[in-house]
Structures are given as C-alpha cells and as structure tokens.
Amino acid sequence: MYGWAFTLAIIALVAAVLGFGGIAGTLVDIAIIIFVIALIGSAILFFVGWKAAKGVSKRL
C-alpha cells in the first residue's frame, strides 16, 4: 500500500507540473488516504504480532 501511495504522489507531481491541477489535487488526496490507512494497518499488525510473540515466548 505504501507503493500505491508513493506512485500516486509521483503521478500527482507530474500532473501538477504539466498543469493538471484538479487531477493532481485528487490524486494527492487519494495518496494521503491510502498512506494513512497503510500506517494504521501497520500499527495494528505490529501490535498484534508483538502480543502474539509475547504469548509464544511465555510458553517456551
């Protein structure tokens, strides 16, 4: 998902340079939404993995 956000940001930058402001603004908004979702997902998976590893280490 980070790759999608980065790709959309690059495309938005190119669109802005070429003068397509409306399309660039929309792509930037979508890239930010995808980036935030990816950050939240990463934080959740990090926490779940940390708790799982903690539980496994107690059993060993």
Protein backbone atom coordinates (compact mmCIF):
# COMPACT_ATOMS: atom_id res chain seq x y z
CA MET A 1 0.00 0.00 0.00
CA TYR A 2 2.91 2.32 0.59
CA GLY A 3 3.94 1.71 -3.00
CA TRP A 4 0.50 2.75 -4.22
CA ALA A 5 0.63 5.94 -2.19
CA PHE A 6 4.13 6.75 -3.45
CA THR A 7 3.13 6.04 -7.07
CA LEU A 8 0.04 8.23 -6.82
CA ALA A 9 2.10 11.03 -5.28
CA ILE A 10 4.61 10.88 -8.14
CA ILE A 11 1.83 10.87 -10.74
CA ALA A 12 0.22 13.84 -8.96
CA LEU A 13 3.53 15.69 -9.03
CA VAL A 14 3.90 15.10 -12.76
CA ALA A 15 0.28 16.13 -13.36
CA ALA A 16 0.82 19.33 -11.37
CA VAL A 17 3.94 20.19 -13.37
CA LEU A 18 2.01 19.64 -16.60
CA GLY A 19 -0.79 21.92 -15.43
CA PHE A 20 -3.50 19.43 -14.49
CA GLY A 21 -4.23 20.92 -11.06
CA GLY A 22 -7.60 19.28 -10.47
CA ILE A 23 -6.36 15.80 -11.24
CA ALA A 24 -3.20 16.38 -9.20
CA GLY A 25 -5.19 17.51 -6.17
CA THR A 26 -7.46 14.48 -6.36
CA LEU A 27 -4.50 12.10 -6.69
CA VAL A 28 -2.78 13.70 -3.70
CA ASP A 29 -5.93 13.29 -1.61
CA ILE A 30 -6.19 9.63 -2.58
CA ALA A 31 -2.48 9.08 -1.87
CA ILE A 32 -2.82 10.60 1.60
CA ILE A 33 -5.85 8.43 2.40
CA ILE A 34 -4.04 5.27 1.26
CA PHE A 35 -0.92 6.26 3.22
CA VAL A 36 -2.89 6.82 6.43
CA ILE A 37 -4.72 3.51 6.02
CA ALA A 38 -1.36 1.78 5.50
CA LEU A 39 0.07 3.42 8.63
CA ILE A 40 -2.92 2.37 10.74
CA GLY A 41 -2.77 -1.16 9.34
CA SER A 42 0.96 -1.39 10.03
CA ALA A 43 0.49 -0.21 13.60
CA ILE A 44 -2.31 -2.72 14.21
CA LEU A 45 -0.32 -5.62 12.73
CA PHE A 46 2.76 -4.59 14.72
CA PHE A 47 0.77 -4.60 17.95
CA VAL A 48 -0.92 -7.94 17.20
CA GLY A 49 2.40 -9.52 16.25
CA TRP A 50 4.06 -8.17 19.37
CA LYS A 51 1.31 -9.60 21.58
CA ALA A 52 1.47 -12.97 19.77
CA ALA A 53 5.25 -13.16 20.12
CA LYS A 54 4.96 -12.28 23.80
CA GLY A 55 2.45 -15.09 24.30
CA VAL A 56 4.59 -17.62 22.44
CA SER A 57 7.71 -16.70 24.39
CA LYS A 58 5.87 -17.31 27.69
CA ARG A 59 5.05 -20.87 26.59
CA LEU A 60 8.67 -21.66 25.75
